[in-house]
Amino acid sequence: MIARGVDFLENWLADNISRQKGDEAMAGKLAAKVIADGVAAGLAVADMELEEADAEKYIREVIVHLDTPGTPSD
């Protein structure tokens, strides 16, 4: 993942996932949206090194960590 892709993903997650939106069932829809938003912002999918399945898994992990204080990523 290029630095611009990392920055985009981190900012997107901060803006779009919060404790209030911590619904694991939404991970698939959020994955499709982050990829679409990245492409709309001028990133190639390869720049983000994400495929929808990978993005969904990553987003699901972020949501779980938000919903479970004290997990290693906190």
N, C-alpha and C. Protein backbone atom coordinates (compact mmCIF):
# COMPACT_ATOMS: atom_id res chain seq x y z
N MET A 1 0.85 -1.16 0.00
CA MET A 1 0.00 0.00 0.00
C MET A 1 0.90 1.23 0.00
N ILE A 2 0.61 2.17 -0.87
CA ILE A 2 1.41 3.39 -0.90
C ILE A 2 0.98 4.31 0.23
N ALA A 3 1.86 5.26 0.59
CA ALA A 3 1.57 6.16 1.72
C ALA A 3 0.25 6.90 1.52
N ARG A 4 -0.01 7.33 0.32
CA ARG A 4 -1.27 8.05 0.06
C ARG A 4 -2.47 7.13 0.31
N GLY A 5 -2.32 5.87 -0.05
CA GLY A 5 -3.39 4.90 0.19
C GLY A 5 -3.61 4.66 1.67
N VAL A 6 -2.52 4.57 2.43
CA VAL A 6 -2.61 4.39 3.88
C VAL A 6 -3.30 5.59 4.51
N ASP A 7 -2.87 6.79 4.12
CA ASP A 7 -3.48 8.01 4.65
C ASP A 7 -4.97 8.06 4.34
N PHE A 8 -5.32 7.75 3.08
CA PHE A 8 -6.73 7.77 2.70
C PHE A 8 -7.52 6.79 3.54
N LEU A 9 -7.03 5.56 3.67
CA LEU A 9 -7.75 4.54 4.42
C LEU A 9 -7.92 4.94 5.88
N GLU A 10 -6.86 5.42 6.51
CA GLU A 10 -6.95 5.81 7.92
C GLU A 10 -7.93 6.95 8.11
N ASN A 11 -7.86 7.96 7.24
CA ASN A 11 -8.79 9.09 7.35
C ASN A 11 -10.22 8.65 7.07
N TRP A 12 -10.41 7.80 6.08
CA TRP A 12 -11.75 7.33 5.74
C TRP A 12 -12.35 6.56 6.91
N LEU A 13 -11.56 5.69 7.51
CA LEU A 13 -12.05 4.91 8.65
C LEU A 13 -12.41 5.82 9.82
N ALA A 14 -11.57 6.82 10.09
CA ALA A 14 -11.84 7.75 11.18
C ALA A 14 -13.13 8.53 10.93
N ASP A 15 -13.38 8.87 9.67
CA ASP A 15 -14.57 9.66 9.32
C ASP A 15 -15.83 8.82 9.21
N ASN A 16 -15.70 7.53 8.93
CA ASN A 16 -16.87 6.73 8.60
C ASN A 16 -17.20 5.61 9.57
N ILE A 17 -16.33 5.34 10.51
CA ILE A 17 -16.61 4.27 11.47
C ILE A 17 -16.43 4.85 12.87
N SER A 18 -17.44 4.70 13.65
CA SER A 18 -17.39 5.18 15.03
C SER A 18 -18.10 4.15 15.91
N ARG A 19 -18.03 4.36 17.18
CA ARG A 19 -18.72 3.44 18.09
C ARG A 19 -20.22 3.39 17.78
N GLN A 20 -20.78 4.51 17.36
CA GLN A 20 -22.20 4.54 17.05
C GLN A 20 -22.51 3.73 15.79
N LYS A 21 -21.54 3.60 14.88
CA LYS A 21 -21.77 2.86 13.65
C LYS A 21 -21.14 1.48 13.71
N GLY A 22 -20.80 1.01 14.91
CA GLY A 22 -20.09 -0.24 15.06
C GLY A 22 -20.93 -1.46 14.79
N ASP A 23 -21.42 -1.60 13.59
CA ASP A 23 -22.28 -2.70 13.20
C ASP A 23 -21.51 -3.59 12.24
N GLU A 24 -21.08 -4.75 12.72
CA GLU A 24 -20.29 -5.66 11.88
C GLU A 24 -21.02 -6.05 10.60
N ALA A 25 -22.33 -6.07 10.61
CA ALA A 25 -23.09 -6.43 9.43
C ALA A 25 -22.89 -5.41 8.30
N MET A 26 -22.48 -4.22 8.64
CA MET A 26 -22.26 -3.16 7.65
C MET A 26 -20.87 -3.26 7.00
N ALA A 27 -20.02 -4.16 7.46
CA ALA A 27 -18.64 -4.23 6.98
C ALA A 27 -18.56 -4.39 5.46
N GLY A 28 -19.38 -5.21 4.89
CA GLY A 28 -19.37 -5.42 3.43
C GLY A 28 -19.71 -4.16 2.67
N LYS A 29 -20.75 -3.46 3.11
CA LYS A 29 -21.14 -2.21 2.45
C LYS A 29 -20.07 -1.15 2.63
N LEU A 30 -19.49 -1.08 3.82
CA LEU A 30 -18.42 -0.10 4.06
C LEU A 30 -17.19 -0.42 3.23
N ALA A 31 -16.89 -1.69 3.04
CA ALA A 31 -15.75 -2.10 2.22
C ALA A 31 -15.93 -1.63 0.78
N ALA A 32 -17.11 -1.84 0.23
CA ALA A 32 -17.37 -1.39 -1.13
C ALA A 32 -17.28 0.12 -1.22
N LYS A 33 -17.75 0.80 -0.18
CA LYS A 33 -17.74 2.27 -0.19
C LYS A 33 -16.32 2.82 -0.08
N VAL A 34 -15.47 2.24 0.76
CA VAL A 34 -14.11 2.76 0.89
C VAL A 34 -13.35 2.59 -0.43
N ILE A 35 -13.57 1.49 -1.11
CA ILE A 35 -12.91 1.28 -2.39
C ILE A 35 -13.42 2.29 -3.41
N ALA A 36 -14.73 2.45 -3.49
CA ALA A 36 -15.31 3.41 -4.44
C ALA A 36 -14.86 4.83 -4.13
N ASP A 37 -14.83 5.19 -2.86
CA ASP A 37 -14.40 6.54 -2.48
C ASP A 37 -12.92 6.75 -2.79
N GLY A 38 -12.12 5.73 -2.59
CA GLY A 38 -10.69 5.83 -2.92
C GLY A 38 -10.48 6.04 -4.40
N VAL A 39 -11.19 5.29 -5.22
CA VAL A 39 -11.10 5.45 -6.67
C VAL A 39 -11.58 6.85 -7.08
N ALA A 40 -12.67 7.31 -6.47
CA ALA A 40 -13.18 8.65 -6.77
C ALA A 40 -12.19 9.74 -6.36
N ALA A 41 -11.36 9.45 -5.35
CA ALA A 41 -10.36 10.41 -4.89
C ALA A 41 -9.08 10.33 -5.72
N GLY A 42 -9.07 9.45 -6.72
CA GLY A 42 -7.93 9.37 -7.61
C GLY A 42 -6.94 8.26 -7.30
N LEU A 43 -7.27 7.39 -6.37
CA LEU A 43 -6.40 6.26 -6.05
C LEU A 43 -6.78 5.05 -6.90
N ALA A 44 -5.79 4.30 -7.28
CA ALA A 44 -6.06 3.01 -7.92
C ALA A 44 -6.29 2.00 -6.80
N VAL A 45 -7.09 0.99 -7.08
CA VAL A 45 -7.32 -0.04 -6.07
C VAL A 45 -5.97 -0.62 -5.64
N ALA A 46 -5.05 -0.77 -6.57
CA ALA A 46 -3.72 -1.30 -6.24
C ALA A 46 -2.98 -0.39 -5.26
N ASP A 47 -3.24 0.93 -5.32
CA ASP A 47 -2.60 1.86 -4.39
C ASP A 47 -3.05 1.61 -2.96
N MET A 48 -4.26 1.10 -2.82
CA MET A 48 -4.79 0.80 -1.50
C MET A 48 -4.57 -0.66 -1.13
N GLU A 49 -4.13 -1.47 -2.10
CA GLU A 49 -3.93 -2.90 -1.93
C GLU A 49 -5.13 -3.56 -1.25
N LEU A 50 -6.29 -3.17 -1.70
CA LEU A 50 -7.52 -3.73 -1.12
C LEU A 50 -8.35 -4.38 -2.20
N GLU A 51 -8.86 -5.50 -1.87
CA GLU A 51 -9.93 -6.11 -2.63
C GLU A 51 -11.11 -6.08 -1.67
N GLU A 52 -12.28 -6.15 -2.17
CA GLU A 52 -13.45 -5.98 -1.30
C GLU A 52 -13.42 -6.96 -0.13
N ALA A 53 -13.03 -8.20 -0.36
CA ALA A 53 -13.00 -9.18 0.74
C ALA A 53 -11.98 -8.78 1.80
N ASP A 54 -10.81 -8.29 1.37
CA ASP A 54 -9.79 -7.85 2.31
C ASP A 54 -10.26 -6.62 3.08
N ALA A 55 -10.87 -5.69 2.37
CA ALA A 55 -11.36 -4.47 3.01
C ALA A 55 -12.45 -4.81 4.02
N GLU A 56 -13.34 -5.72 3.66
CA GLU A 56 -14.42 -6.11 4.57
C GLU A 56 -13.83 -6.72 5.85
N LYS A 57 -12.85 -7.59 5.70
CA LYS A 57 -12.23 -8.21 6.87
C LYS A 57 -11.56 -7.15 7.74
N TYR A 58 -10.84 -6.23 7.11
CA TYR A 58 -10.14 -5.17 7.86
C TYR A 58 -11.14 -4.28 8.60
N ILE A 59 -12.21 -3.88 7.92
CA ILE A 59 -13.22 -3.03 8.53
C ILE A 59 -13.91 -3.76 9.67
N ARG A 60 -14.21 -5.04 9.49
CA ARG A 60 -14.83 -5.83 10.55
C ARG A 60 -13.92 -5.85 11.79
N GLU A 61 -12.61 -6.00 11.59
CA GLU A 61 -11.67 -5.98 12.70
C GLU A 61 -11.64 -4.62 13.40
N VAL A 62 -11.71 -3.55 12.62
CA VAL A 62 -11.74 -2.20 13.20
C VAL A 62 -12.99 -2.05 14.06
N ILE A 63 -14.13 -2.49 13.55
CA ILE A 63 -15.38 -2.38 14.29
C ILE A 63 -15.30 -3.19 15.58
N VAL A 64 -14.78 -4.39 15.51
CA VAL A 64 -14.66 -5.24 16.70
C VAL A 64 -13.78 -4.56 17.73
N HIS A 65 -12.67 -3.98 17.31
CA HIS A 65 -11.78 -3.31 18.24
C HIS A 65 -12.43 -2.07 18.86
N LEU A 66 -13.25 -1.37 18.10
CA LEU A 66 -13.97 -0.22 18.66
C LEU A 66 -14.99 -0.67 19.71
N ASP A 67 -15.63 -1.80 19.42
CA ASP A 67 -16.67 -2.29 20.32
C ASP A 67 -16.14 -3.05 21.53
N THR A 68 -14.84 -3.37 21.50
CA THR A 68 -14.25 -4.16 22.58
C THR A 68 -13.03 -3.41 23.14
N PRO A 69 -13.26 -2.48 24.07
CA PRO A 69 -12.14 -1.74 24.64
C PRO A 69 -11.10 -2.68 25.22
N GLY A 70 -9.85 -2.27 25.10
CA GLY A 70 -8.77 -3.06 25.67
C GLY A 70 -8.19 -4.07 24.72
N THR A 71 -8.66 -4.10 23.48
CA THR A 71 -8.08 -5.03 22.51
C THR A 71 -6.71 -4.50 22.09
N PRO A 72 -5.87 -5.32 21.54
CA PRO A 72 -4.49 -4.92 21.24
C PRO A 72 -4.34 -3.67 20.38
N SER A 73 -5.29 -3.35 19.52
CA SER A 73 -5.14 -2.17 18.67
C SER A 73 -5.46 -0.87 19.39
N ASP A 74 -6.04 -0.94 20.59
CA ASP A 74 -6.40 0.28 21.33
C ASP A 74 -5.17 0.93 21.92
